[in-house]
Each structure stands twice: as C-alpha cells, then as structure tokens.
C-alpha cells in the first residue's frame, strides 16, 4: 500500500521530486502526485527519503564560526 508523504513545504517537495527524477526508472518511488506538497510514495523508501533530506539539510546548514 502506498505511503503518503508527511507535512512538507514546497522546496522540500521539489527536492524529493528531483531525487526521484535522478533515479533509474526501476527505482523511482513517487507513485502519484496529489498537489505541490503531497504525493504517494512506495512504502519501503520512507527511510531513504528521510536520510536524503537529513543529508541535504546537513550540507546546507550554516554554523556560526567560533
């Protein structure tokens, strides 16, 4: 059964759509786009999506120099 992505904003939804588009056809995980911030994904990829988001946020975080 498909899993609905949780509460996300438009930039993060676009990140997920781009992540999906970067994969080969056999590994695409978005099943259906509901609107600009909601879509159904394969249930076994939730952890991978969370990990990719976490890595993206870590790479784009500002740390004030000490």
PDB file of N, CA and C in Angstrom:
ATOM      1  N   UNK A   1       0.845  -1.179   0.000  1.00  0.00           N
ATOM      2  CA  UNK A   1       0.000   0.000   0.000  1.00  0.00           C
ATOM      3  C   UNK A   1       0.890   1.241   0.000  1.00  0.00           C
ATOM      4  N   UNK A   2       0.591   2.228  -0.828  1.00  0.00           N
ATOM      5  CA  UNK A   2       1.408   3.449  -0.886  1.00  0.00           C
ATOM      6  C   UNK A   2       1.400   4.198   0.432  1.00  0.00           C
ATOM      7  N   UNK A   3       2.449   4.937   0.661  1.00  0.00           N
ATOM      8  CA  UNK A   3       2.547   5.760   1.859  1.00  0.00           C
ATOM      9  C   UNK A   3       2.472   7.216   1.434  1.00  0.00           C
ATOM     10  N   UNK A   4       1.712   8.021   2.179  1.00  0.00           N
ATOM     11  CA  UNK A   4       1.595   9.445   1.873  1.00  0.00           C
ATOM     12  C   UNK A   4       2.731  10.171   2.574  1.00  0.00           C
ATOM     13  N   UNK A   5       3.434  11.037   1.838  1.00  0.00           N
ATOM     14  CA  UNK A   5       4.489  11.844   2.444  1.00  0.00           C
ATOM     15  C   UNK A   5       3.870  12.766   3.476  1.00  0.00           C
ATOM     16  N   UNK A   6       4.587  12.991   4.569  1.00  0.00           N
ATOM     17  CA  UNK A   6       4.112  13.842   5.649  1.00  0.00           C
ATOM     18  C   UNK A   6       4.119  15.309   5.284  1.00  0.00           C
ATOM     19  N   UNK A   7       4.021  16.143   6.289  1.00  0.00           N
ATOM     20  CA  UNK A   7       3.944  17.584   6.111  1.00  0.00           C
ATOM     21  C   UNK A   7       5.278  18.128   5.613  1.00  0.00           C
ATOM     22  N   UNK A   8       5.287  18.653   4.392  1.00  0.00           N
ATOM     23  CA  UNK A   8       6.499  19.222   3.811  1.00  0.00           C
ATOM     24  C   UNK A   8       6.153  20.520   3.096  1.00  0.00           C
ATOM     25  N   UNK A   9       7.159  21.377   2.953  1.00  0.00           N
ATOM     26  CA  UNK A   9       6.933  22.625   2.228  1.00  0.00           C
ATOM     27  C   UNK A   9       7.313  22.428   0.754  1.00  0.00           C
ATOM     28  N   UNK A  10       7.045  23.435  -0.053  1.00  0.00           N
ATOM     29  CA  UNK A  10       7.266  23.324  -1.493  1.00  0.00           C
ATOM     30  C   UNK A  10       8.737  23.071  -1.845  1.00  0.00           C
ATOM     31  N   UNK A  11       9.708  23.789  -1.249  1.00  0.00           N
ATOM     32  CA  UNK A  11      11.112  23.493  -1.599  1.00  0.00           C
ATOM     33  C   UNK A  11      11.518  22.050  -1.264  1.00  0.00           C
ATOM     34  N   UNK A  12      11.058  21.527  -0.128  1.00  0.00           N
ATOM     35  CA  UNK A  12      11.414  20.151   0.225  1.00  0.00           C
ATOM     36  C   UNK A  12      10.698  19.163  -0.687  1.00  0.00           C
ATOM     37  N   UNK A  13       9.474  19.464  -1.069  1.00  0.00           N
ATOM     38  CA  UNK A  13       8.761  18.605  -2.021  1.00  0.00           C
ATOM     39  C   UNK A  13       9.516  18.577  -3.349  1.00  0.00           C
ATOM     40  N   UNK A  14      10.026  19.727  -3.777  1.00  0.00           N
ATOM     41  CA  UNK A  14      10.787  19.783  -5.024  1.00  0.00           C
ATOM     42  C   UNK A  14      12.075  18.979  -4.910  1.00  0.00           C
ATOM     43  N   UNK A  15      12.708  19.014  -3.739  1.00  0.00           N
ATOM     44  CA  UNK A  15      13.912  18.201  -3.511  1.00  0.00           C
ATOM     45  C   UNK A  15      13.568  16.718  -3.689  1.00  0.00           C
ATOM     46  N   UNK A  16      12.448  16.285  -3.110  1.00  0.00           N
ATOM     47  CA  UNK A  16      12.041  14.878  -3.205  1.00  0.00           C
ATOM     48  C   UNK A  16      11.708  14.508  -4.652  1.00  0.00           C
ATOM     49  N   UNK A  17      11.007  15.389  -5.363  1.00  0.00           N
ATOM     50  CA  UNK A  17      10.694  15.135  -6.769  1.00  0.00           C
ATOM     51  C   UNK A  17      11.984  15.019  -7.582  1.00  0.00           C
ATOM     52  N   UNK A  18      12.946  15.904  -7.332  1.00  0.00           N
ATOM     53  CA  UNK A  18      14.231  15.847  -8.054  1.00  0.00           C
ATOM     54  C   UNK A  18      15.012  14.587  -7.696  1.00  0.00           C
ATOM     55  N   UNK A  19      14.959  14.179  -6.422  1.00  0.00           N
ATOM     56  CA  UNK A  19      15.611  12.934  -6.009  1.00  0.00           C
ATOM     57  C   UNK A  19      15.012  11.766  -6.783  1.00  0.00           C
ATOM     58  N   UNK A  20      13.694  11.721  -6.861  1.00  0.00           N
ATOM     59  CA  UNK A  20      13.006  10.665  -7.597  1.00  0.00           C
ATOM     60  C   UNK A  20      13.405  10.683  -9.074  1.00  0.00           C
ATOM     61  N   UNK A  21      13.469  11.877  -9.667  1.00  0.00           N
ATOM     62  CA  UNK A  21      13.804  12.009 -11.089  1.00  0.00           C
ATOM     63  C   UNK A  21      15.239  11.594 -11.388  1.00  0.00           C
ATOM     64  N   UNK A  22      16.112  11.673 -10.382  1.00  0.00           N
ATOM     65  CA  UNK A  22      17.521  11.323 -10.602  1.00  0.00           C
ATOM     66  C   UNK A  22      17.765   9.818 -10.608  1.00  0.00           C
ATOM     67  N   UNK A  23      16.761   9.052 -10.245  1.00  0.00           N
ATOM     68  CA  UNK A  23      16.920   7.602 -10.157  1.00  0.00           C
ATOM     69  C   UNK A  23      16.520   6.909 -11.453  1.00  0.00           C
ATOM     70  N   UNK A  24      17.078   5.720 -11.697  1.00  0.00           N
ATOM     71  CA  UNK A  24      16.642   4.939 -12.866  1.00  0.00           C
ATOM     72  C   UNK A  24      15.161   4.576 -12.716  1.00  0.00           C
ATOM     73  N   UNK A  25      14.500   4.329 -13.823  1.00  0.00           N
ATOM     74  CA  UNK A  25      13.063   4.049 -13.828  1.00  0.00           C
ATOM     75  C   UNK A  25      12.668   2.944 -12.842  1.00  0.00           C
ATOM     76  N   UNK A  26      13.498   1.925 -12.723  1.00  0.00           N
ATOM     77  CA  UNK A  26      13.175   0.796 -11.844  1.00  0.00           C
ATOM     78  C   UNK A  26      13.209   1.168 -10.362  1.00  0.00           C
ATOM     79  N   UNK A  27      13.819   2.310 -10.017  1.00  0.00           N
ATOM     80  CA  UNK A  27      13.963   2.712  -8.623  1.00  0.00           C
ATOM     81  C   UNK A  27      13.159   3.954  -8.256  1.00  0.00           C
ATOM     82  N   UNK A  28      12.368   4.463  -9.184  1.00  0.00           N
ATOM     83  CA  UNK A  28      11.547   5.638  -8.879  1.00  0.00           C
ATOM     84  C   UNK A  28      10.518   5.264  -7.815  1.00  0.00           C
ATOM     85  N   UNK A  29      10.276   6.176  -6.879  1.00  0.00           N
ATOM     86  CA  UNK A  29       9.443   5.847  -5.726  1.00  0.00           C
ATOM     87  C   UNK A  29       8.151   6.651  -5.621  1.00  0.00           C
ATOM     88  N   UNK A  30       8.014   7.745  -6.370  1.00  0.00           N
ATOM     89  CA  UNK A  30       6.762   8.508  -6.326  1.00  0.00           C
ATOM     90  C   UNK A  30       5.723   7.776  -7.167  1.00  0.00           C
ATOM     91  N   UNK A  31       4.600   7.469  -6.528  1.00  0.00           N
ATOM     92  CA  UNK A  31       3.522   6.749  -7.203  1.00  0.00           C
ATOM     93  C   UNK A  31       2.528   7.725  -7.832  1.00  0.00           C
ATOM     94  N   UNK A  32       2.165   8.763  -7.059  1.00  0.00           N
ATOM     95  CA  UNK A  32       1.160   9.712  -7.542  1.00  0.00           C
ATOM     96  C   UNK A  32       1.349  11.060  -6.858  1.00  0.00           C
ATOM     97  N   UNK A  33       1.353  12.132  -7.639  1.00  0.00           N
ATOM     98  CA  UNK A  33       1.451  13.486  -7.101  1.00  0.00           C
ATOM     99  C   UNK A  33       0.037  13.998  -6.877  1.00  0.00           C
ATOM    100  N   UNK A  34      -0.257  14.393  -5.619  1.00  0.00           N
ATOM    101  CA  UNK A  34      -1.584  14.911  -5.283  1.00  0.00           C
ATOM    102  C   UNK A  34      -1.654  16.415  -5.524  1.00  0.00           C
ATOM    103  N   UNK A  35      -0.649  17.150  -5.073  1.00  0.00           N
ATOM    104  CA  UNK A  35      -0.523  18.587  -5.306  1.00  0.00           C
ATOM    105  C   UNK A  35       0.937  18.963  -5.088  1.00  0.00           C
ATOM    106  N   UNK A  36       1.237  20.237  -4.944  1.00  0.00           N
ATOM    107  CA  UNK A  36       2.635  20.666  -4.895  1.00  0.00           C
ATOM    108  C   UNK A  36       3.379  20.238  -3.640  1.00  0.00           C
ATOM    109  N   UNK A  37       2.682  19.791  -2.605  1.00  0.00           N
ATOM    110  CA  UNK A  37       3.370  19.362  -1.376  1.00  0.00           C
ATOM    111  C   UNK A  37       2.925  17.993  -0.866  1.00  0.00           C
ATOM    112  N   UNK A  38       2.117  17.280  -1.627  1.00  0.00           N
ATOM    113  CA  UNK A  38       1.638  15.965  -1.189  1.00  0.00           C
ATOM    114  C   UNK A  38       1.729  14.969  -2.342  1.00  0.00           C
ATOM    115  N   UNK A  39       2.266  13.785  -2.036  1.00  0.00           N
ATOM    116  CA  UNK A  39       2.295  12.722  -3.015  1.00  0.00           C
ATOM    117  C   UNK A  39       2.406  11.376  -2.327  1.00  0.00           C
ATOM    118  N   UNK A  40       2.038  10.328  -3.063  1.00  0.00           N
ATOM    119  CA  UNK A  40       2.162   8.969  -2.561  1.00  0.00           C
ATOM    120  C   UNK A  40       3.485   8.390  -3.036  1.00  0.00           C
ATOM    121  N   UNK A  41       4.164   7.682  -2.122  1.00  0.00           N
ATOM    122  CA  UNK A  41       5.441   7.057  -2.452  1.00  0.00           C
ATOM    123  C   UNK A  41       5.393   5.583  -2.095  1.00  0.00           C
ATOM    124  N   UNK A  42       6.340   4.831  -2.633  1.00  0.00           N
ATOM    125  CA  UNK A  42       6.465   3.421  -2.265  1.00  0.00           C
ATOM    126  C   UNK A  42       6.732   3.347  -0.763  1.00  0.00           C
ATOM    127  N   UNK A  43       6.083   2.436  -0.033  1.00  0.00           N
ATOM    128  CA  UNK A  43       6.219   2.393   1.427  1.00  0.00           C
ATOM    129  C   UNK A  43       7.611   2.032   1.924  1.00  0.00           C
ATOM    130  N   UNK A  44       8.410   1.360   1.125  1.00  0.00           N
ATOM    131  CA  UNK A  44       9.732   0.926   1.583  1.00  0.00           C
ATOM    132  C   UNK A  44      10.818   1.990   1.420  1.00  0.00           C
ATOM    133  N   UNK A  45      10.492   3.189   0.939  1.00  0.00           N
ATOM    134  CA  UNK A  45      11.512   4.211   0.718  1.00  0.00           C
ATOM    135  C   UNK A  45      11.472   5.356   1.725  1.00  0.00           C
ATOM    136  N   UNK A  46      10.577   5.298   2.679  1.00  0.00           N
ATOM    137  CA  UNK A  46      10.438   6.393   3.648  1.00  0.00           C
ATOM    138  C   UNK A  46      11.768   6.671   4.350  1.00  0.00           C
ATOM    139  N   UNK A  47      12.464   5.646   4.777  1.00  0.00           N
ATOM    140  CA  UNK A  47      13.752   5.820   5.450  1.00  0.00           C
ATOM    141  C   UNK A  47      14.796   6.442   4.544  1.00  0.00           C
ATOM    142  N   UNK A  48      14.827   6.036   3.288  1.00  0.00           N
ATOM    143  CA  UNK A  48      15.777   6.579   2.325  1.00  0.00           C
ATOM    144  C   UNK A  48      15.493   8.060   2.080  1.00  0.00           C
ATOM    145  N   UNK A  49      14.227   8.418   1.984  1.00  0.00           N
ATOM    146  CA  UNK A  49      13.865   9.826   1.772  1.00  0.00           C
ATOM    147  C   UNK A  49      14.280  10.650   2.988  1.00  0.00           C
ATOM    148  N   UNK A  50      13.991  10.165   4.186  1.00  0.00           N
ATOM    149  CA  UNK A  50      14.390  10.880   5.409  1.00  0.00           C
ATOM    150  C   UNK A  50      15.902  11.061   5.472  1.00  0.00           C
ATOM    151  N   UNK A  51      16.633  10.029   5.114  1.00  0.00           N
ATOM    152  CA  UNK A  51      18.096  10.092   5.128  1.00  0.00           C
ATOM    153  C   UNK A  51      18.612  11.114   4.117  1.00  0.00           C
ATOM    154  N   UNK A  52      18.047  11.128   2.914  1.00  0.00           N
ATOM    155  CA  UNK A  52      18.466  12.085   1.879  1.00  0.00           C
ATOM    156  C   UNK A  52      18.157  13.515   2.322  1.00  0.00           C
ATOM    157  N   UNK A  53      17.006  13.723   2.951  1.00  0.00           N
ATOM    158  CA  UNK A  53      16.645  15.053   3.454  1.00  0.00           C
ATOM    159  C   UNK A  53      17.605  15.476   4.554  1.00  0.00           C
ATOM    160  N   UNK A  54      17.912  14.571   5.466  1.00  0.00           N
ATOM    161  CA  UNK A  54      18.829  14.875   6.560  1.00  0.00           C
ATOM    162  C   UNK A  54      20.209  15.258   6.021  1.00  0.00           C
ATOM    163  N   UNK A  55      20.690  14.497   5.058  1.00  0.00           N
ATOM    164  CA  UNK A  55      21.994  14.787   4.452  1.00  0.00           C
ATOM    165  C   UNK A  55      21.971  16.136   3.743  1.00  0.00           C
ATOM    166  N   UNK A  56      20.889  16.417   3.013  1.00  0.00           N
ATOM    167  CA  UNK A  56      20.735  17.694   2.322  1.00  0.00           C
ATOM    168  C   UNK A  56      20.742  18.850   3.321  1.00  0.00           C
ATOM    169  N   UNK A  57      20.014  18.710   4.406  1.00  0.00           N
ATOM    170  CA  UNK A  57      19.966  19.772   5.422  1.00  0.00           C
ATOM    171  C   UNK A  57      21.324  19.965   6.084  1.00  0.00           C
ATOM    172  N   UNK A  58      22.033  18.878   6.356  1.00  0.00           N
ATOM    173  CA  UNK A  58      23.370  18.975   6.951  1.00  0.00           C
ATOM    174  C   UNK A  58      24.327  19.725   6.032  1.00  0.00           C
ATOM    175  N   UNK A  59      24.222  19.473   4.730  1.00  0.00           N
ATOM    176  CA  UNK A  59      25.101  20.123   3.757  1.00  0.00           C
ATOM    177  C   UNK A  59      24.757  21.599   3.576  1.00  0.00           C
ATOM    178  N   UNK A  60      23.540  21.976   3.905  1.00  0.00           N
ATOM    179  CA  UNK A  60      23.074  23.344   3.671  1.00  0.00           C
ATOM    180  C   UNK A  60      22.785  24.086   4.965  1.00  0.00           C
ATOM    181  N   UNK A  61      23.452  23.695   6.033  1.00  0.00           N
ATOM    182  CA  UNK A  61      23.275  24.359   7.319  1.00  0.00           C
ATOM    183  C   UNK A  61      24.437  25.311   7.572  1.00  0.00           C
ATOM    184  N   UNK A  62      24.123  26.432   8.129  1.00  0.00           N
ATOM    185  CA  UNK A  62      25.149  27.416   8.466  1.00  0.00           C
ATOM    186  C   UNK A  62      25.518  27.266   9.932  1.00  0.00           C
ATOM    187  N   UNK A  63      26.802  27.194  10.183  1.00  0.00           N
ATOM    188  CA  UNK A  63      27.286  27.167  11.558  1.00  0.00           C
ATOM    189  C   UNK A  63      28.144  28.407  11.763  1.00  0.00           C
ATOM    190  N   UNK A  64      27.772  29.191  12.738  1.00  0.00           N
ATOM    191  CA  UNK A  64      28.490  30.414  13.026  1.00  0.00           C
ATOM    192  C   UNK A  64      29.910  30.069  13.486  1.00  0.00           C
ATOM    193  N   UNK A  65      30.901  30.703  12.881  1.00  0.00           N
ATOM    194  CA  UNK A  65      32.284  30.448  13.316  1.00  0.00           C
ATOM    195  C   UNK A  65      32.466  30.831  14.783  1.00  0.00           C
ATOM    196  N   UNK A  66      33.313  30.093  15.460  1.00  0.00           N
ATOM    197  CA  UNK A  66      33.551  30.391  16.886  1.00  0.00           C
ATOM    198  C   UNK A  66      34.795  31.216  17.079  1.00  0.00           C
TER     199      UNK A  66
END
